[in-house]
Protein backbone atom coordinates (compact mmCIF):
# COMPACT_ATOMS: atom_id res chain seq x y z
CA MET A 1 20.99 6.19 -10.79
CA ASN A 2 23.95 3.99 -11.51
CA ASN A 3 23.82 0.25 -12.09
CA ASN A 4 25.10 -0.79 -8.65
CA GLU A 5 22.43 1.08 -6.64
CA ILE A 6 19.93 -1.78 -7.13
CA LEU A 7 21.37 -5.09 -5.94
CA ARG A 8 18.75 -7.18 -7.72
CA VAL A 9 15.17 -7.19 -8.96
CA LEU A 10 12.89 -8.76 -6.37
CA VAL A 11 9.52 -8.44 -8.18
CA ASN A 12 9.62 -7.86 -11.93
CA GLU A 13 7.05 -6.10 -14.14
CA LYS A 14 5.34 -9.33 -15.20
CA GLU A 15 4.98 -10.43 -11.55
CA ILE A 16 3.50 -7.03 -10.63
CA GLU A 17 1.01 -7.38 -13.49
CA GLU A 18 0.00 -10.91 -12.40
CA THR A 19 -0.28 -9.83 -8.77
CA THR A 20 -2.55 -6.85 -9.48
CA THR A 21 -4.76 -9.04 -11.67
CA ARG A 22 -5.08 -11.66 -8.92
CA LEU A 23 -5.89 -9.03 -6.27
CA ALA A 24 -8.47 -7.30 -8.49
CA GLU A 25 -10.21 -10.64 -9.11
CA GLN A 26 -10.32 -11.33 -5.35
CA ILE A 27 -11.78 -7.88 -4.67
CA ASP A 28 -14.40 -8.32 -7.40
CA ARG A 29 -15.46 -11.68 -5.93
CA ASP A 30 -15.69 -10.27 -2.42
CA PHE A 31 -17.72 -7.21 -3.40
CA ALA A 32 -19.88 -8.75 -6.15
CA ASN A 33 -23.02 -8.62 -3.99
CA SER A 34 -22.26 -5.54 -1.93
CA ASN A 35 -24.77 -2.71 -1.96
CA GLY A 36 -22.16 -0.24 -0.72
CA ARG A 37 -19.92 2.14 -2.60
CA LEU A 38 -16.53 0.53 -3.17
CA VAL A 39 -13.80 3.09 -2.43
CA LEU A 40 -10.09 2.52 -2.96
CA LEU A 41 -8.31 4.77 -0.47
CA GLY A 42 -4.72 5.21 -1.59
CA ILE A 43 -2.04 6.17 0.89
CA LEU A 44 0.18 8.79 -0.72
CA LYS A 45 2.67 8.74 -2.27
CA GLY A 46 3.89 5.16 -2.58
CA SER A 47 0.56 3.50 -3.39
CA VAL A 48 -0.10 5.54 -6.56
CA PRO A 49 1.39 3.20 -9.23
CA PHE A 50 -0.07 0.10 -7.55
CA MET A 51 -3.50 1.67 -7.07
CA ALA A 52 -3.56 2.89 -10.69
CA GLU A 53 -2.93 -0.65 -11.95
CA LEU A 54 -5.34 -2.20 -9.45
CA MET A 55 -8.28 0.13 -10.18
CA LYS A 56 -8.03 -0.50 -13.94
CA LYS A 57 -8.58 -4.21 -13.30
CA ILE A 58 -11.41 -4.03 -10.77
CA LYS A 59 -14.72 -4.49 -12.56
CA SER A 60 -16.80 -3.32 -9.56
CA ASN A 61 -16.37 0.32 -10.65
CA PRO A 62 -14.51 1.61 -7.59
CA GLU A 63 -14.29 5.22 -6.52
CA ILE A 64 -10.90 6.56 -5.45
CA GLU A 65 -9.73 8.79 -2.62
CA PHE A 66 -6.38 9.56 -1.04
CA MET A 67 -4.85 10.19 2.35
CA LYS A 68 -1.32 11.11 3.29
CA VAL A 69 -0.08 9.42 6.43
CA SER A 70 3.36 9.05 7.91
CA SER A 71 4.91 6.75 10.45
CA TYR A 72 8.45 7.53 9.41
CA GLY A 73 10.77 10.13 10.83
CA SER A 74 13.84 10.69 8.74
CA GLY A 75 15.67 8.04 6.82
CA THR A 76 14.70 4.38 6.99
CA LYS A 77 13.34 4.00 10.54
CA THR A 78 9.70 4.15 11.61
CA SER A 79 8.91 6.67 14.34
CA GLY A 80 6.41 4.38 16.06
CA SER A 81 3.59 6.94 15.86
CA VAL A 82 1.16 7.60 13.02
CA LYS A 83 0.52 11.13 11.80
CA ILE A 84 -2.29 12.04 9.39
CA ILE A 85 -0.94 14.74 7.09
CA LEU A 86 -3.86 14.84 4.61
CA ASP A 87 -7.20 13.45 5.78
CA TRP A 88 -10.12 12.22 3.72
CA GLN A 89 -13.48 13.93 4.21
CA ARG A 90 -16.71 12.39 2.98
CA GLU A 91 -20.35 12.93 3.97
CA ASN A 92 -21.60 9.43 3.05
CA ILE A 93 -18.84 7.36 4.65
CA GLU A 94 -21.44 5.00 6.16
CA GLU A 95 -22.23 3.82 2.60
CA CYS A 96 -18.59 3.09 1.79
CA ASP A 97 -16.82 -0.24 1.62
CA ILE A 98 -13.27 1.08 1.92
CA ILE A 99 -10.17 -0.75 0.79
CA VAL A 100 -7.07 1.01 2.06
CA VAL A 101 -4.41 0.56 -0.64
CA GLU A 102 -0.77 0.59 0.47
CA ASP A 103 2.52 -0.08 -1.30
CA ILE A 104 4.09 -2.03 1.58
CA ILE A 105 3.26 -3.16 5.09
CA ASP A 106 6.21 -3.14 7.43
CA SER A 107 5.50 -2.67 11.14
CA GLY A 108 1.73 -2.75 10.54
CA ARG A 109 1.20 0.30 12.74
CA THR A 110 -0.03 2.63 10.00
CA LEU A 111 -2.69 0.34 8.55
CA SER A 112 -3.80 -0.92 11.95
CA TYR A 113 -4.30 2.68 13.06
CA LEU A 114 -6.04 3.71 9.83
CA CYS A 115 -8.50 0.80 9.95
CA GLN A 116 -9.59 1.79 13.45
CA TYR A 117 -9.72 5.47 12.48
CA LEU A 118 -11.97 4.82 9.44
CA LYS A 119 -14.25 2.50 11.42
CA GLN A 120 -14.64 5.20 14.08
CA LYS A 121 -15.55 7.67 11.33
CA GLY A 122 -18.44 5.32 10.45
CA ALA A 123 -17.29 3.42 7.35
CA LYS A 124 -19.57 0.54 6.31
CA SER A 125 -16.51 -1.74 6.09
CA VAL A 126 -12.74 -1.35 6.01
CA ARG A 127 -10.30 -3.76 4.41
CA THR A 128 -6.67 -3.46 3.38
CA CYS A 129 -4.75 -4.27 0.22
CA THR A 130 -0.98 -4.17 -0.11
CA LEU A 131 1.36 -4.88 -2.97
CA LEU A 132 4.18 -5.96 -0.64
CA ASP A 133 4.18 -7.41 2.85
CA LYS A 134 7.12 -7.79 5.25
CA PRO A 135 5.65 -9.93 8.02
CA SER A 136 9.07 -10.37 9.62
CA ARG A 137 8.98 -6.66 10.59
CA ARG A 138 5.52 -6.67 12.16
CA GLU A 139 5.27 -4.81 15.47
CA VAL A 140 1.49 -5.11 15.89
CA ASP A 141 -0.95 -7.93 15.26
CA PHE A 142 -2.03 -7.07 11.71
CA THR A 143 -2.73 -9.13 8.59
CA PRO A 144 -3.79 -7.49 5.31
CA ASP A 145 -7.03 -8.65 3.70
CA TYR A 146 -5.46 -8.66 0.24
CA CYS A 147 -1.75 -9.35 -0.01
CA GLY A 148 0.33 -9.22 -3.17
CA VAL A 149 3.82 -10.52 -2.46
CA GLN A 150 5.62 -11.29 0.79
CA VAL A 151 9.15 -9.92 0.71
CA PRO A 152 12.20 -10.47 2.90
CA ASP A 153 13.52 -7.91 5.35
CA GLU A 154 15.41 -5.90 2.73
CA PHE A 155 15.17 -2.23 1.80
CA VAL A 156 13.05 -2.26 -1.35
CA VAL A 157 12.37 0.51 -3.85
CA GLY A 158 10.57 0.96 -7.14
CA PHE A 159 6.98 0.97 -8.38
CA GLY A 160 6.11 3.75 -5.93
CA LEU A 161 8.47 2.84 -3.11
CA ASP A 162 11.25 5.31 -2.50
CA TYR A 163 14.34 6.19 -0.60
CA ASP A 164 14.60 9.94 -0.08
CA GLU A 165 11.99 10.44 -2.87
CA ARG A 166 14.15 8.59 -5.41
CA TYR A 167 13.49 5.30 -7.26
CA ARG A 168 9.65 5.58 -7.25
CA ALA A 169 9.48 5.47 -11.06
CA LEU A 170 11.25 2.13 -11.45
CA PRO A 171 8.85 -0.30 -13.19
CA TYR A 172 9.88 -3.13 -10.83
CA ILE A 173 10.64 -3.69 -7.14
CA GLY A 174 14.35 -3.90 -6.40
CA ILE A 175 16.57 -4.31 -3.37
CA LEU A 176 18.46 -1.09 -2.70
CA ASN A 177 22.19 -1.39 -2.10
CA PRO A 178 22.82 -0.56 1.60
CA GLU A 179 25.73 1.66 0.53
CA VAL A 180 23.10 4.12 -0.80
CA TYR A 181 21.29 4.65 2.52
CA THR A 182 24.11 4.14 5.03
CA LYS A 183 26.37 6.92 3.75
C-alpha cells in the first residue's frame, strides 16, 4: 500500500476503542436481566476485528458464532440479493438472544434479511450491532439496534473492511482513494 491509497482517516484507533466500549456497555445494560444465552453472531469476514474487540468488553459472557453472507457481486456494487454461504446451525436457538455483529450497514438488505431468517429459525430474540452505518445508502427500512459511527457515503476500508481483500488489517477506518477502485 502506498501513502496516497487512503485519502484520510475517518475513524481513528482511539475512536474505535471508545465506540466498542460504549456499545459493550449498552449491550450489558440491555441483557443484564436476560435468562437467555447471549450469542454474538459475526458476519464473516469484515466483522472479525470489531467483534473481537466488542466481545472482550461485554461482561455478560457472550458466546460467539459466525455466518458468511454476501450481498455483493464483484467490485463495489451490491447485487440486491442476499446469499448465505456459511450458515449457523444450533439445536438450542430458542434459548439464544442473538446480536448479529456487522462491520458496516450500507443498503440494509443483508441485516434485514438475516434478522427475519434467524427469527424464523426460532431465536429467542435478534438484534443488530454495527461498527459503521451509512444511512444515506439505505434501500430498505432498517435501523441497527446498536450503532457505532455514522459515516458519509464514501468507500471506507480498514479494521476488517476491505476492497478486493486488501486493507482489512489497517488499525483505523480510512477513505479509499477512488483511483484504487475505478482503474
